[in-house]
Amino acid sequence: MADDGNVGPINTSPSGGVLLHILNRNHVAFLDYVGSGNETAKHTRAGSPITLMVCAFDEADAAIVRLYGWAKITTLAQSELADQLLQNGDSDLNARPRQVIEVMVDKTSTSCGYGVPVMSLVRQRRTTDRGQRYKT
């Protein structure tokens, strides 16, 4: 793994509400939205591998699927997938798409998901929900 000396900890940012597009059995992509740091891109550019964790929160289907691989970050203007992803994007998110993240999947794993709580979607978060409380 390449290290530019400023990579920091591995990014584990949640991306709730973001649609994961399965392009083929070893290639997935999703839109990355503004509203948080750009850590996924930073770690990818530094050579870090990526893990996507997909969780089921409904009562009838406890499951976790992890996708392990390597990501490629592309601006919307340069991505061949941007139009397809934007056309099939999530209009409920109140955020602007920043870039396309493609993942070439090397390995997958599943687990029971019993540690994931049963939850219902109330609404997507708004940028005003956070306020200034956690800003440094």
C-alpha atoms as a PDB file:
ATOM      1  CA  MET A   1       0.000   0.000   0.000  1.00  0.00           C
ATOM      2  CA  ALA A   2       1.312   3.414  -0.919  1.00  0.00           C
ATOM      3  CA  ASP A   3       1.537   5.934   1.880  1.00  0.00           C
ATOM      4  CA  ASP A   4       1.912   9.646   1.376  1.00  0.00           C
ATOM      5  CA  GLY A   5       2.488  10.136   5.103  1.00  0.00           C
ATOM      6  CA  ASN A   6      -0.838  11.934   5.539  1.00  0.00           C
ATOM      7  CA  VAL A   7      -3.312   9.142   4.864  1.00  0.00           C
ATOM      8  CA  GLY A   8      -4.510   8.844   8.440  1.00  0.00           C
ATOM      9  CA  PRO A   9      -6.919   6.170   9.615  1.00  0.00           C
ATOM     10  CA  ILE A  10      -8.861   4.028   7.150  1.00  0.00           C
ATOM     11  CA  ASN A  11     -12.100   5.712   6.144  1.00  0.00           C
ATOM     12  CA  THR A  12     -15.235   4.125   7.568  1.00  0.00           C
ATOM     13  CA  SER A  13     -17.699   6.849   6.578  1.00  0.00           C
ATOM     14  CA  PRO A  14     -21.313   5.689   6.411  1.00  0.00           C
ATOM     15  CA  SER A  15     -23.116   6.328   3.131  1.00  0.00           C
ATOM     16  CA  GLY A  16     -26.732   5.679   3.958  1.00  0.00           C
ATOM     17  CA  GLY A  17     -29.219   6.206   1.185  1.00  0.00           C
ATOM     18  CA  VAL A  18     -26.623   5.926  -1.573  1.00  0.00           C
ATOM     19  CA  LEU A  19     -27.579   3.442  -4.293  1.00  0.00           C
ATOM     20  CA  LEU A  20     -24.977   0.792  -5.071  1.00  0.00           C
ATOM     21  CA  HIS A  21     -24.992  -0.019  -8.789  1.00  0.00           C
ATOM     22  CA  ILE A  22     -23.878  -3.562  -9.652  1.00  0.00           C
ATOM     23  CA  LEU A  23     -22.214  -3.324 -13.065  1.00  0.00           C
ATOM     24  CA  ASN A  24     -21.075  -6.942 -13.211  1.00  0.00           C
ATOM     25  CA  ARG A  25     -20.048  -9.646 -10.733  1.00  0.00           C
ATOM     26  CA  ASN A  26     -16.775  -7.885  -9.852  1.00  0.00           C
ATOM     27  CA  HIS A  27     -17.541  -4.237 -10.548  1.00  0.00           C
ATOM     28  CA  VAL A  28     -19.808  -1.886  -8.581  1.00  0.00           C
ATOM     29  CA  ALA A  29     -20.159   1.889  -8.561  1.00  0.00           C
ATOM     30  CA  PHE A  30     -21.889   4.614  -6.600  1.00  0.00           C
ATOM     31  CA  LEU A  31     -22.191   8.369  -6.494  1.00  0.00           C
ATOM     32  CA  ASP A  32     -20.278  10.117  -3.744  1.00  0.00           C
ATOM     33  CA  TYR A  33     -22.073  13.192  -2.405  1.00  0.00           C
ATOM     34  CA  VAL A  34     -20.830  16.378  -0.788  1.00  0.00           C
ATOM     35  CA  GLY A  35     -21.617  16.894   2.857  1.00  0.00           C
ATOM     36  CA  SER A  36     -18.703  15.255   4.586  1.00  0.00           C
ATOM     37  CA  GLY A  37     -14.985  15.014   4.099  1.00  0.00           C
ATOM     38  CA  ASN A  38     -13.529  13.462   0.996  1.00  0.00           C
ATOM     39  CA  GLU A  39     -11.711  10.690   2.869  1.00  0.00           C
ATOM     40  CA  THR A  40     -12.648   7.844   0.501  1.00  0.00           C
ATOM     41  CA  ALA A  41     -10.951   9.642  -2.387  1.00  0.00           C
ATOM     42  CA  LYS A  42      -7.947  10.555  -0.240  1.00  0.00           C
ATOM     43  CA  HIS A  43      -7.358   6.960   0.869  1.00  0.00           C
ATOM     44  CA  THR A  44      -7.959   5.585  -2.624  1.00  0.00           C
ATOM     45  CA  ARG A  45      -5.428   7.954  -4.160  1.00  0.00           C
ATOM     46  CA  ALA A  46      -2.921   6.902  -1.489  1.00  0.00           C
ATOM     47  CA  GLY A  47      -3.291   3.256  -2.551  1.00  0.00           C
ATOM     48  CA  SER A  48      -5.567   2.041   0.223  1.00  0.00           C
ATOM     49  CA  PRO A  49      -7.934  -0.867  -0.424  1.00  0.00           C
ATOM     50  CA  ILE A  50     -11.649  -0.298   0.119  1.00  0.00           C
ATOM     51  CA  THR A  51     -14.315  -2.306   1.930  1.00  0.00           C
ATOM     52  CA  LEU A  52     -18.014  -1.698   1.363  1.00  0.00           C
ATOM     53  CA  MET A  53     -20.363  -3.031   4.024  1.00  0.00           C
ATOM     54  CA  VAL A  54     -24.026  -3.428   3.108  1.00  0.00           C
ATOM     55  CA  CYS A  55     -26.432  -4.044   6.003  1.00  0.00           C
ATOM     56  CA  ALA A  56     -30.078  -5.050   6.109  1.00  0.00           C
ATOM     57  CA  PHE A  57     -32.031  -3.125   8.748  1.00  0.00           C
ATOM     58  CA  ASP A  58     -35.474  -4.642   8.204  1.00  0.00           C
ATOM     59  CA  GLU A  59     -36.840  -7.193  10.645  1.00  0.00           C
ATOM     60  CA  ALA A  60     -37.273 -10.085   8.228  1.00  0.00           C
ATOM     61  CA  ASP A  61     -33.794 -10.219   6.739  1.00  0.00           C
ATOM     62  CA  ALA A  62     -30.768  -9.918   9.029  1.00  0.00           C
ATOM     63  CA  ALA A  63     -27.655  -9.903   6.841  1.00  0.00           C
ATOM     64  CA  ILE A  64     -24.342  -8.184   6.193  1.00  0.00           C
ATOM     65  CA  VAL A  65     -22.410  -8.367   2.927  1.00  0.00           C
ATOM     66  CA  ARG A  66     -18.874  -7.016   2.613  1.00  0.00           C
ATOM     67  CA  LEU A  67     -17.215  -6.228  -0.711  1.00  0.00           C
ATOM     68  CA  TYR A  68     -13.416  -5.990  -0.649  1.00  0.00           C
ATOM     69  CA  GLY A  69     -11.469  -4.422  -3.470  1.00  0.00           C
ATOM     70  CA  TRP A  70      -9.813  -1.421  -5.014  1.00  0.00           C
ATOM     71  CA  ALA A  71     -11.520   1.836  -5.886  1.00  0.00           C
ATOM     72  CA  LYS A  72     -11.186   4.333  -8.681  1.00  0.00           C
ATOM     73  CA  ILE A  73     -12.377   7.904  -8.120  1.00  0.00           C
ATOM     74  CA  THR A  74     -13.555   9.890 -11.144  1.00  0.00           C
ATOM     75  CA  THR A  75     -15.055  13.351 -11.402  1.00  0.00           C
ATOM     76  CA  LEU A  76     -18.587  13.510 -12.772  1.00  0.00           C
ATOM     77  CA  ALA A  77     -17.318  15.291 -15.882  1.00  0.00           C
ATOM     78  CA  GLN A  78     -14.748  12.558 -16.623  1.00  0.00           C
ATOM     79  CA  SER A  79     -16.710   9.453 -15.651  1.00  0.00           C
ATOM     80  CA  GLU A  80     -18.210   7.241 -18.350  1.00  0.00           C
ATOM     81  CA  LEU A  81     -20.708   6.050 -15.724  1.00  0.00           C
ATOM     82  CA  ALA A  82     -21.870   9.436 -14.426  1.00  0.00           C
ATOM     83  CA  ASP A  83     -24.895   9.807 -16.715  1.00  0.00           C
ATOM     84  CA  GLN A  84     -26.119   6.283 -15.930  1.00  0.00           C
ATOM     85  CA  LEU A  85     -25.649   6.735 -12.177  1.00  0.00           C
ATOM     86  CA  LEU A  86     -27.216  10.207 -12.128  1.00  0.00           C
ATOM     87  CA  GLN A  87     -30.192   8.953 -14.126  1.00  0.00           C
ATOM     88  CA  ASN A  88     -30.739   6.126 -11.648  1.00  0.00           C
ATOM     89  CA  GLY A  89     -29.650   8.098  -8.582  1.00  0.00           C
ATOM     90  CA  ASP A  90     -31.511   8.721  -5.373  1.00  0.00           C
ATOM     91  CA  SER A  91     -33.604  11.856  -5.715  1.00  0.00           C
ATOM     92  CA  ASP A  92     -34.458  11.768  -1.985  1.00  0.00           C
ATOM     93  CA  LEU A  93     -30.928  12.750  -0.982  1.00  0.00           C
ATOM     94  CA  ASN A  94     -30.646  16.470  -0.410  1.00  0.00           C
ATOM     95  CA  ALA A  95     -27.030  16.660  -1.487  1.00  0.00           C
ATOM     96  CA  ARG A  96     -25.065  17.369  -4.650  1.00  0.00           C
ATOM     97  CA  PRO A  97     -23.152  14.469  -6.249  1.00  0.00           C
ATOM     98  CA  ARG A  98     -19.396  15.049  -6.054  1.00  0.00           C
ATOM     99  CA  GLN A  99     -17.801  12.147  -7.954  1.00  0.00           C
ATOM    100  CA  VAL A 100     -18.150   8.531  -9.038  1.00  0.00           C
ATOM    101  CA  ILE A 101     -16.554   5.775  -6.997  1.00  0.00           C
ATOM    102  CA  GLU A 102     -16.009   2.503  -8.837  1.00  0.00           C
ATOM    103  CA  VAL A 103     -14.902  -0.604  -6.972  1.00  0.00           C
ATOM    104  CA  MET A 104     -13.291  -3.632  -8.557  1.00  0.00           C
ATOM    105  CA  VAL A 105     -14.285  -6.389  -6.153  1.00  0.00           C
ATOM    106  CA  ASP A 106     -11.631  -8.993  -5.300  1.00  0.00           C
ATOM    107  CA  LYS A 107     -13.513 -10.840  -2.570  1.00  0.00           C
ATOM    108  CA  THR A 108     -16.871 -10.885  -0.787  1.00  0.00           C
ATOM    109  CA  SER A 109     -18.050 -12.200   2.549  1.00  0.00           C
ATOM    110  CA  THR A 110     -21.340 -12.498   4.362  1.00  0.00           C
ATOM    111  CA  SER A 111     -22.289 -12.683   8.012  1.00  0.00           C
ATOM    112  CA  CYS A 112     -25.499 -13.149   9.948  1.00  0.00           C
ATOM    113  CA  GLY A 113     -26.235  -9.511  10.716  1.00  0.00           C
ATOM    114  CA  TYR A 114     -27.784 -10.287  14.105  1.00  0.00           C
ATOM    115  CA  GLY A 115     -25.774  -7.465  15.648  1.00  0.00           C
ATOM    116  CA  VAL A 116     -27.399  -4.933  13.296  1.00  0.00           C
ATOM    117  CA  PRO A 117     -30.477  -3.358  14.906  1.00  0.00           C
ATOM    118  CA  VAL A 118     -33.910  -3.371  13.300  1.00  0.00           C
ATOM    119  CA  MET A 119     -34.587   0.202  12.203  1.00  0.00           C
ATOM    120  CA  SER A 120     -37.066   2.200  10.161  1.00  0.00           C
ATOM    121  CA  LEU A 121     -36.224   5.177   7.973  1.00  0.00           C
ATOM    122  CA  VAL A 122     -37.692   8.342   9.436  1.00  0.00           C
ATOM    123  CA  ARG A 123     -36.063  10.678   6.886  1.00  0.00           C
ATOM    124  CA  GLN A 124     -32.694  11.452   5.351  1.00  0.00           C
ATOM    125  CA  ARG A 125     -30.490  13.691   7.478  1.00  0.00           C
ATOM    126  CA  ARG A 126     -30.236  17.366   6.660  1.00  0.00           C
ATOM    127  CA  THR A 127     -27.043  19.363   6.887  1.00  0.00           C
ATOM    128  CA  THR A 128     -28.726  21.472   9.573  1.00  0.00           C
ATOM    129  CA  ASP A 129     -29.190  18.397  11.810  1.00  0.00           C
ATOM    130  CA  ARG A 130     -25.534  18.534  12.775  1.00  0.00           C
ATOM    131  CA  GLY A 131     -25.130  22.221  13.361  1.00  0.00           C
ATOM    132  CA  GLN A 132     -21.853  23.357  14.824  1.00  0.00           C
ATOM    133  CA  ARG A 133     -21.674  20.904  17.724  1.00  0.00           C
ATOM    134  CA  TYR A 134     -19.056  18.600  16.188  1.00  0.00           C
ATOM    135  CA  LYS A 135     -17.111  21.051  14.063  1.00  0.00           C
ATOM    136  CA  THR A 136     -13.533  21.637  15.124  1.00  0.00           C
END
